[in-house]
Amino acid sequence: MYRLYAAMKERSPNDITADEIAVASGKRILDPGALSDFLQKLESTSMTIQRAFEKQVKDAAVSLFLRSIVLRS
């Protein structure tokens, strides 16, 4: 359950589904195989969002670098 909590903590409250809350709170019990699949899907989504933010930061850094070069010319 900690992995589920940690993955949910990183997301906006608006992005957490009622199904995820039910599993995390123990109101919905998943068998070990389903829980593993559920966690992998959740972590995959979190990693995709993290990669998108990392790309955004890199693109912004390159943009600032290029802008500084153009301003010096």
PDB file of N, CA and C in Angstrom:
ATOM      1  N   MET A   1       0.809  -1.194   0.000  1.00  0.00           N
ATOM      2  CA  MET A   1       0.000   0.000   0.000  1.00  0.00           C
ATOM      3  C   MET A   1       0.855   1.262   0.000  1.00  0.00           C
ATOM      4  N   TYR A   2       2.074   1.156   0.539  1.00  0.00           N
ATOM      5  CA  TYR A   2       2.927   2.343   0.558  1.00  0.00           C
ATOM      6  C   TYR A   2       3.233   2.814  -0.859  1.00  0.00           C
ATOM      7  N   ARG A   3       3.491   1.879  -1.762  1.00  0.00           N
ATOM      8  CA  ARG A   3       3.781   2.258  -3.155  1.00  0.00           C
ATOM      9  C   ARG A   3       2.609   3.013  -3.751  1.00  0.00           C
ATOM     10  N   LEU A   4       1.396   2.568  -3.454  1.00  0.00           N
ATOM     11  CA  LEU A   4       0.204   3.253  -3.953  1.00  0.00           C
ATOM     12  C   LEU A   4       0.115   4.644  -3.353  1.00  0.00           C
ATOM     13  N   TYR A   5       0.329   4.741  -2.050  1.00  0.00           N
ATOM     14  CA  TYR A   5       0.306   6.043  -1.382  1.00  0.00           C
ATOM     15  C   TYR A   5       1.341   6.991  -1.988  1.00  0.00           C
ATOM     16  N   ALA A   6       2.564   6.499  -2.167  1.00  0.00           N
ATOM     17  CA  ALA A   6       3.642   7.331  -2.697  1.00  0.00           C
ATOM     18  C   ALA A   6       3.323   7.810  -4.115  1.00  0.00           C
ATOM     19  N   ALA A   7       2.786   6.935  -4.939  1.00  0.00           N
ATOM     20  CA  ALA A   7       2.441   7.320  -6.311  1.00  0.00           C
ATOM     21  C   ALA A   7       1.314   8.347  -6.318  1.00  0.00           C
ATOM     22  N   MET A   8       0.328   8.160  -5.438  1.00  0.00           N
ATOM     23  CA  MET A   8      -0.801   9.092  -5.383  1.00  0.00           C
ATOM     24  C   MET A   8      -0.381  10.444  -4.803  1.00  0.00           C
ATOM     25  N   LYS A   9       0.562  10.426  -3.874  1.00  0.00           N
ATOM     26  CA  LYS A   9       1.019  11.653  -3.233  1.00  0.00           C
ATOM     27  C   LYS A   9       1.653  12.606  -4.243  1.00  0.00           C
ATOM     28  N   GLU A  10       2.274  12.055  -5.268  1.00  0.00           N
ATOM     29  CA  GLU A  10       2.958  12.860  -6.275  1.00  0.00           C
ATOM     30  C   GLU A  10       1.997  13.516  -7.271  1.00  0.00           C
ATOM     31  N   ARG A  11       0.747  13.104  -7.250  1.00  0.00           N
ATOM     32  CA  ARG A  11      -0.218  13.594  -8.236  1.00  0.00           C
ATOM     33  C   ARG A  11      -1.153  14.622  -7.638  1.00  0.00           C
ATOM     34  N   SER A  12      -1.784  15.373  -8.513  1.00  0.00           N
ATOM     35  CA  SER A  12      -2.784  16.343  -8.102  1.00  0.00           C
ATOM     36  C   SER A  12      -4.013  15.601  -7.575  1.00  0.00           C
ATOM     37  N   PRO A  13      -4.663  16.129  -6.539  1.00  0.00           N
ATOM     38  CA  PRO A  13      -5.878  15.470  -6.036  1.00  0.00           C
ATOM     39  C   PRO A  13      -6.950  15.277  -7.110  1.00  0.00           C
ATOM     40  N   ASN A  14      -6.972  16.138  -8.091  1.00  0.00           N
ATOM     41  CA  ASN A  14      -7.949  16.018  -9.181  1.00  0.00           C
ATOM     42  C   ASN A  14      -7.656  14.846 -10.106  1.00  0.00           C
ATOM     43  N   ASP A  15      -6.415  14.353 -10.071  1.00  0.00           N
ATOM     44  CA  ASP A  15      -6.017  13.260 -10.955  1.00  0.00           C
ATOM     45  C   ASP A  15      -6.178  11.878 -10.315  1.00  0.00           C
ATOM     46  N   ILE A  16      -6.553  11.836  -9.053  1.00  0.00           N
ATOM     47  CA  ILE A  16      -6.704  10.566  -8.340  1.00  0.00           C
ATOM     48  C   ILE A  16      -8.145  10.092  -8.485  1.00  0.00           C
ATOM     49  N   THR A  17      -8.309   8.861  -8.937  1.00  0.00           N
ATOM     50  CA  THR A  17      -9.648   8.334  -9.191  1.00  0.00           C
ATOM     51  C   THR A  17     -10.263   7.747  -7.917  1.00  0.00           C
ATOM     52  N   ALA A  18     -11.569   7.618  -7.927  1.00  0.00           N
ATOM     53  CA  ALA A  18     -12.283   7.010  -6.799  1.00  0.00           C
ATOM     54  C   ALA A  18     -11.834   5.562  -6.608  1.00  0.00           C
ATOM     55  N   ASP A  19     -11.529   4.887  -7.706  1.00  0.00           N
ATOM     56  CA  ASP A  19     -11.056   3.501  -7.639  1.00  0.00           C
ATOM     57  C   ASP A  19      -9.722   3.428  -6.894  1.00  0.00           C
ATOM     58  N   GLU A  20      -8.812   4.340  -7.191  1.00  0.00           N
ATOM     59  CA  GLU A  20      -7.516   4.371  -6.511  1.00  0.00           C
ATOM     60  C   GLU A  20      -7.689   4.655  -5.017  1.00  0.00           C
ATOM     61  N   ILE A  21      -8.582   5.556  -4.681  1.00  0.00           N
ATOM     62  CA  ILE A  21      -8.841   5.872  -3.277  1.00  0.00           C
ATOM     63  C   ILE A  21      -9.414   4.654  -2.557  1.00  0.00           C
ATOM     64  N   ALA A  22     -10.329   3.945  -3.206  1.00  0.00           N
ATOM     65  CA  ALA A  22     -10.931   2.754  -2.600  1.00  0.00           C
ATOM     66  C   ALA A  22      -9.885   1.678  -2.338  1.00  0.00           C
ATOM     67  N   VAL A  23      -8.965   1.483  -3.276  1.00  0.00           N
ATOM     68  CA  VAL A  23      -7.903   0.485  -3.087  1.00  0.00           C
ATOM     69  C   VAL A  23      -6.966   0.929  -1.968  1.00  0.00           C
ATOM     70  N   ALA A  24      -6.555   2.204  -1.986  1.00  0.00           N
ATOM     71  CA  ALA A  24      -5.617   2.702  -0.980  1.00  0.00           C
ATOM     72  C   ALA A  24      -6.206   2.660   0.427  1.00  0.00           C
ATOM     73  N   SER A  25      -7.504   2.895   0.535  1.00  0.00           N
ATOM     74  CA  SER A  25      -8.140   2.921   1.857  1.00  0.00           C
ATOM     75  C   SER A  25      -8.553   1.538   2.345  1.00  0.00           C
ATOM     76  N   GLY A  26      -8.403   0.529   1.491  1.00  0.00           N
ATOM     77  CA  GLY A  26      -8.758  -0.827   1.878  1.00  0.00           C
ATOM     78  C   GLY A  26     -10.226  -1.160   1.687  1.00  0.00           C
ATOM     79  N   LYS A  27     -10.990  -0.238   1.113  1.00  0.00           N
ATOM     80  CA  LYS A  27     -12.408  -0.502   0.853  1.00  0.00           C
ATOM     81  C   LYS A  27     -12.590  -1.454  -0.318  1.00  0.00           C
ATOM     82  N   ARG A  28     -11.607  -1.492  -1.195  1.00  0.00           N
ATOM     83  CA  ARG A  28     -11.625  -2.422  -2.328  1.00  0.00           C
ATOM     84  C   ARG A  28     -10.373  -3.277  -2.225  1.00  0.00           C
ATOM     85  N   ILE A  29     -10.549  -4.549  -2.130  1.00  0.00           N
ATOM     86  CA  ILE A  29      -9.428  -5.478  -1.996  1.00  0.00           C
ATOM     87  C   ILE A  29      -9.119  -6.088  -3.356  1.00  0.00           C
ATOM     88  N   LEU A  30      -7.850  -6.025  -3.725  1.00  0.00           N
ATOM     89  CA  LEU A  30      -7.394  -6.626  -4.978  1.00  0.00           C
ATOM     90  C   LEU A  30      -6.556  -7.857  -4.665  1.00  0.00           C
ATOM     91  N   ASP A  31      -6.662  -8.861  -5.530  1.00  0.00           N
ATOM     92  CA  ASP A  31      -5.780 -10.007  -5.346  1.00  0.00           C
ATOM     93  C   ASP A  31      -4.361  -9.564  -5.709  1.00  0.00           C
ATOM     94  N   PRO A  32      -3.341 -10.284  -5.260  1.00  0.00           N
ATOM     95  CA  PRO A  32      -1.952  -9.850  -5.480  1.00  0.00           C
ATOM     96  C   PRO A  32      -1.607  -9.574  -6.947  1.00  0.00           C
ATOM     97  N   GLY A  33      -2.104 -10.381  -7.872  1.00  0.00           N
ATOM     98  CA  GLY A  33      -1.817 -10.151  -9.294  1.00  0.00           C
ATOM     99  C   GLY A  33      -2.444  -8.865  -9.793  1.00  0.00           C
ATOM    100  N   ALA A  34      -3.698  -8.630  -9.418  1.00  0.00           N
ATOM    101  CA  ALA A  34      -4.391  -7.407  -9.842  1.00  0.00           C
ATOM    102  C   ALA A  34      -3.757  -6.180  -9.200  1.00  0.00           C
ATOM    103  N   LEU A  35      -3.339  -6.314  -7.948  1.00  0.00           N
ATOM    104  CA  LEU A  35      -2.688  -5.195  -7.265  1.00  0.00           C
ATOM    105  C   LEU A  35      -1.372  -4.853  -7.947  1.00  0.00           C
ATOM    106  N   SER A  36      -0.611  -5.872  -8.316  1.00  0.00           N
ATOM    107  CA  SER A  36       0.653  -5.643  -9.013  1.00  0.00           C
ATOM    108  C   SER A  36       0.419  -4.915 -10.333  1.00  0.00           C
ATOM    109  N   ASP A  37      -0.562  -5.358 -11.112  1.00  0.00           N
ATOM    110  CA  ASP A  37      -0.900  -4.696 -12.377  1.00  0.00           C
ATOM    111  C   ASP A  37      -1.344  -3.259 -12.144  1.00  0.00           C
ATOM    112  N   PHE A  38      -2.173  -3.066 -11.126  1.00  0.00           N
ATOM    113  CA  PHE A  38      -2.685  -1.744 -10.785  1.00  0.00           C
ATOM    114  C   PHE A  38      -1.535  -0.798 -10.446  1.00  0.00           C
ATOM    115  N   LEU A  39      -0.586  -1.271  -9.629  1.00  0.00           N
ATOM    116  CA  LEU A  39       0.551  -0.441  -9.233  1.00  0.00           C
ATOM    117  C   LEU A  39       1.475  -0.146 -10.405  1.00  0.00           C
ATOM    118  N   GLN A  40       1.697  -1.136 -11.263  1.00  0.00           N
ATOM    119  CA  GLN A  40       2.551  -0.904 -12.434  1.00  0.00           C
ATOM    120  C   GLN A  40       1.943   0.154 -13.344  1.00  0.00           C
ATOM    121  N   LYS A  41       0.640   0.081 -13.541  1.00  0.00           N
ATOM    122  CA  LYS A  41      -0.041   1.070 -14.383  1.00  0.00           C
ATOM    123  C   LYS A  41       0.063   2.464 -13.758  1.00  0.00           C
ATOM    124  N   LEU A  42      -0.149   2.542 -12.463  1.00  0.00           N
ATOM    125  CA  LEU A  42      -0.082   3.816 -11.757  1.00  0.00           C
ATOM    126  C   LEU A  42       1.325   4.397 -11.815  1.00  0.00           C
ATOM    127  N   GLU A  43       2.335   3.566 -11.569  1.00  0.00           N
ATOM    128  CA  GLU A  43       3.718   4.029 -11.609  1.00  0.00           C
ATOM    129  C   GLU A  43       4.135   4.419 -13.023  1.00  0.00           C
ATOM    130  N   SER A  44       3.653   3.699 -14.016  1.00  0.00           N
ATOM    131  CA  SER A  44       3.960   4.023 -15.404  1.00  0.00           C
ATOM    132  C   SER A  44       3.413   5.400 -15.762  1.00  0.00           C
ATOM    133  N   THR A  45       2.204   5.674 -15.318  1.00  0.00           N
ATOM    134  CA  THR A  45       1.593   6.987 -15.568  1.00  0.00           C
ATOM    135  C   THR A  45       2.397   8.076 -14.878  1.00  0.00           C
ATOM    136  N   SER A  46       2.811   7.820 -13.647  1.00  0.00           N
ATOM    137  CA  SER A  46       3.605   8.797 -12.904  1.00  0.00           C
ATOM    138  C   SER A  46       4.930   9.062 -13.601  1.00  0.00           C
ATOM    139  N   MET A  47       5.579   8.012 -14.102  1.00  0.00           N
ATOM    140  CA  MET A  47       6.855   8.174 -14.784  1.00  0.00           C
ATOM    141  C   MET A  47       6.693   8.942 -16.085  1.00  0.00           C
ATOM    142  N   THR A  48       5.599   8.718 -16.788  1.00  0.00           N
ATOM    143  CA  THR A  48       5.338   9.441 -18.031  1.00  0.00           C
ATOM    144  C   THR A  48       5.204  10.936 -17.745  1.00  0.00           C
ATOM    145  N   ILE A  49       4.496  11.272 -16.685  1.00  0.00           N
ATOM    146  CA  ILE A  49       4.329  12.674 -16.304  1.00  0.00           C
ATOM    147  C   ILE A  49       5.673  13.265 -15.898  1.00  0.00           C
ATOM    148  N   GLN A  50       6.469  12.501 -15.142  1.00  0.00           N
ATOM    149  CA  GLN A  50       7.781  12.974 -14.714  1.00  0.00           C
ATOM    150  C   GLN A  50       8.679  13.223 -15.922  1.00  0.00           C
ATOM    151  N   ARG A  51       8.670  12.316 -16.887  1.00  0.00           N
ATOM    152  CA  ARG A  51       9.480  12.503 -18.104  1.00  0.00           C
ATOM    153  C   ARG A  51       9.037  13.744 -18.878  1.00  0.00           C
ATOM    154  N   ALA A  52       7.743  13.998 -18.908  1.00  0.00           N
ATOM    155  CA  ALA A  52       7.228  15.176 -19.611  1.00  0.00           C
ATOM    156  C   ALA A  52       7.738  16.462 -18.951  1.00  0.00           C
ATOM    157  N   PHE A  53       7.744  16.489 -17.625  1.00  0.00           N
ATOM    158  CA  PHE A  53       8.260  17.663 -16.930  1.00  0.00           C
ATOM    159  C   PHE A  53       9.758  17.820 -17.145  1.00  0.00           C
ATOM    160  N   GLU A  54      10.495  16.717 -17.128  1.00  0.00           N
ATOM    161  CA  GLU A  54      11.936  16.783 -17.373  1.00  0.00           C
ATOM    162  C   GLU A  54      12.220  17.317 -18.769  1.00  0.00           C
ATOM    163  N   LYS A  55      11.462  16.866 -19.759  1.00  0.00           N
ATOM    164  CA  LYS A  55      11.625  17.356 -21.132  1.00  0.00           C
ATOM    165  C   LYS A  55      11.312  18.847 -21.206  1.00  0.00           C
ATOM    166  N   GLN A  56      10.274  19.259 -20.502  1.00  0.00           N
ATOM    167  CA  GLN A  56       9.889  20.665 -20.498  1.00  0.00           C
ATOM    168  C   GLN A  56      11.010  21.525 -19.918  1.00  0.00           C
ATOM    169  N   VAL A  57      11.645  21.060 -18.846  1.00  0.00           N
ATOM    170  CA  VAL A  57      12.751  21.802 -18.234  1.00  0.00           C
ATOM    171  C   VAL A  57      13.934  21.879 -19.187  1.00  0.00           C
ATOM    172  N   LYS A  58      14.265  20.761 -19.839  1.00  0.00           N
ATOM    173  CA  LYS A  58      15.382  20.755 -20.790  1.00  0.00           C
ATOM    174  C   LYS A  58      15.105  21.685 -21.963  1.00  0.00           C
ATOM    175  N   ASP A  59      13.893  21.639 -22.496  1.00  0.00           N
ATOM    176  CA  ASP A  59      13.532  22.497 -23.625  1.00  0.00           C
ATOM    177  C   ASP A  59      13.616  23.969 -23.226  1.00  0.00           C
ATOM    178  N   ALA A  60      13.190  24.289 -22.018  1.00  0.00           N
ATOM    179  CA  ALA A  60      13.255  25.675 -21.549  1.00  0.00           C
ATOM    180  C   ALA A  60      14.702  26.124 -21.409  1.00  0.00           C
ATOM    181  N   ALA A  61      15.570  25.240 -20.916  1.00  0.00           N
ATOM    182  CA  ALA A  61      16.987  25.581 -20.764  1.00  0.00           C
ATOM    183  C   ALA A  61      17.632  25.832 -22.119  1.00  0.00           C
ATOM    184  N   VAL A  62      17.328  24.989 -23.096  1.00  0.00           N
ATOM    185  CA  VAL A  62      17.871  25.169 -24.448  1.00  0.00           C
ATOM    186  C   VAL A  62      17.345  26.461 -25.047  1.00  0.00           C
ATOM    187  N   SER A  63      16.082  26.743 -24.838  1.00  0.00           N
ATOM    188  CA  SER A  63      15.479  27.962 -25.366  1.00  0.00           C
ATOM    189  C   SER A  63      16.158  29.199 -24.783  1.00  0.00           C
ATOM    190  N   LEU A  64      16.400  29.193 -23.478  1.00  0.00           N
ATOM    191  CA  LEU A  64      17.081  30.321 -22.835  1.00  0.00           C
ATOM    192  C   LEU A  64      18.503  30.467 -23.354  1.00  0.00           C
ATOM    193  N   PHE A  65      19.189  29.337 -23.552  1.00  0.00           N
ATOM    194  CA  PHE A  65      20.555  29.368 -24.068  1.00  0.00           C
ATOM    195  C   PHE A  65      20.572  29.962 -25.477  1.00  0.00           C
ATOM    196  N   LEU A  66      19.683  29.497 -26.331  1.00  0.00           N
ATOM    197  CA  LEU A  66      19.636  30.002 -27.705  1.00  0.00           C
ATOM    198  C   LEU A  66      19.256  31.481 -27.733  1.00  0.00           C
ATOM    199  N   ARG A  67      18.355  31.870 -26.875  1.00  0.00           N
ATOM    200  CA  ARG A  67      17.944  33.272 -26.810  1.00  0.00           C
ATOM    201  C   ARG A  67      19.120  34.148 -26.401  1.00  0.00           C
ATOM    202  N   SER A  68      19.949  33.679 -25.465  1.00  0.00           N
ATOM    203  CA  SER A  68      21.113  34.467 -25.034  1.00  0.00           C
ATOM    204  C   SER A  68      22.124  34.594 -26.167  1.00  0.00           C
ATOM    205  N   ILE A  69      22.271  33.566 -26.980  1.00  0.00           N
ATOM    206  CA  ILE A  69      23.193  33.622 -28.121  1.00  0.00           C
ATOM    207  C   ILE A  69      22.699  34.635 -29.147  1.00  0.00           C
ATOM    208  N   VAL A  70      21.403  34.615 -29.422  1.00  0.00           N
ATOM    209  CA  VAL A  70      20.833  35.538 -30.404  1.00  0.00           C
ATOM    210  C   VAL A  70      20.955  36.973 -29.913  1.00  0.00           C
ATOM    211  N   LEU A  71      20.764  37.204 -28.647  1.00  0.00           N
ATOM    212  CA  LEU A  71      20.850  38.568 -28.103  1.00  0.00           C
ATOM    213  C   LEU A  71      22.279  39.104 -28.149  1.00  0.00           C
ATOM    214  N   ARG A  72      23.278  38.221 -28.062  1.00  0.00           N
ATOM    215  CA  ARG A  72      24.676  38.664 -28.128  1.00  0.00           C
ATOM    216  C   ARG A  72      25.081  39.016 -29.558  1.00  0.00           C
ATOM    217  N   SER A  73      24.390  38.482 -30.539  1.00  0.00           N
ATOM    218  CA  SER A  73      24.780  38.706 -31.953  1.00  0.00           C
ATOM    219  C   SER A  73      24.480  40.093 -32.416  1.00  0.00           C
TER     220      SER A  73
END
